[in-house]
Amino acid sequence: MSLFNVLDVSGSGMRAQSIRLNTVASNLANAESVSSTAEGAYRSKQPIFKAMLHDGINGASASVEVTKIVQKETAPRRQYMPEHPMADETGHIYYSNVNSVEEMANMISASRAYQNNIEAMNTVKQLMMRTINLGN
């Protein structure tokens, strides 16, 4: 694996973590949204990652891709609030199934993974620059 392949691996990791961060942001933005039906309530979304191995002309390489984004199937939180304008005929409203604490932990994890990919890219860059300067 050449140093350029390491840049590709880190780049694909950064793209995947960026999608993860955007998904977390969407979940947090909709954490307190309400609906008049359980089916209409916002559902937490999570990206599914897949490690990909590639055999190319320049040797094997790897990457990570987001294959799909799935919704959590846990039931939305139901609360009795008959005075709420979105209450159904029984007086209940339905909150999203987003767990804000879980989403914050997920955001920290994604942010750290993104930073690690940047650090790997910077290390490769420094190695390349030192290699170029060996003759001087």
Foldseek 3Di string as FASTA:
>chain_A
DDLVLLLVALVLLLVVLVVQLVLLVVLVVQQFPKAQDQVPADFRKGWDKDKDWDQDPVGIHIHIDGPDIDTDPDTFDKDAAQVDPRHYPRRIMTGYPRDNVVSVVSNVVSVVSNVVSVVSNVVSVVVVVVVVVPVD
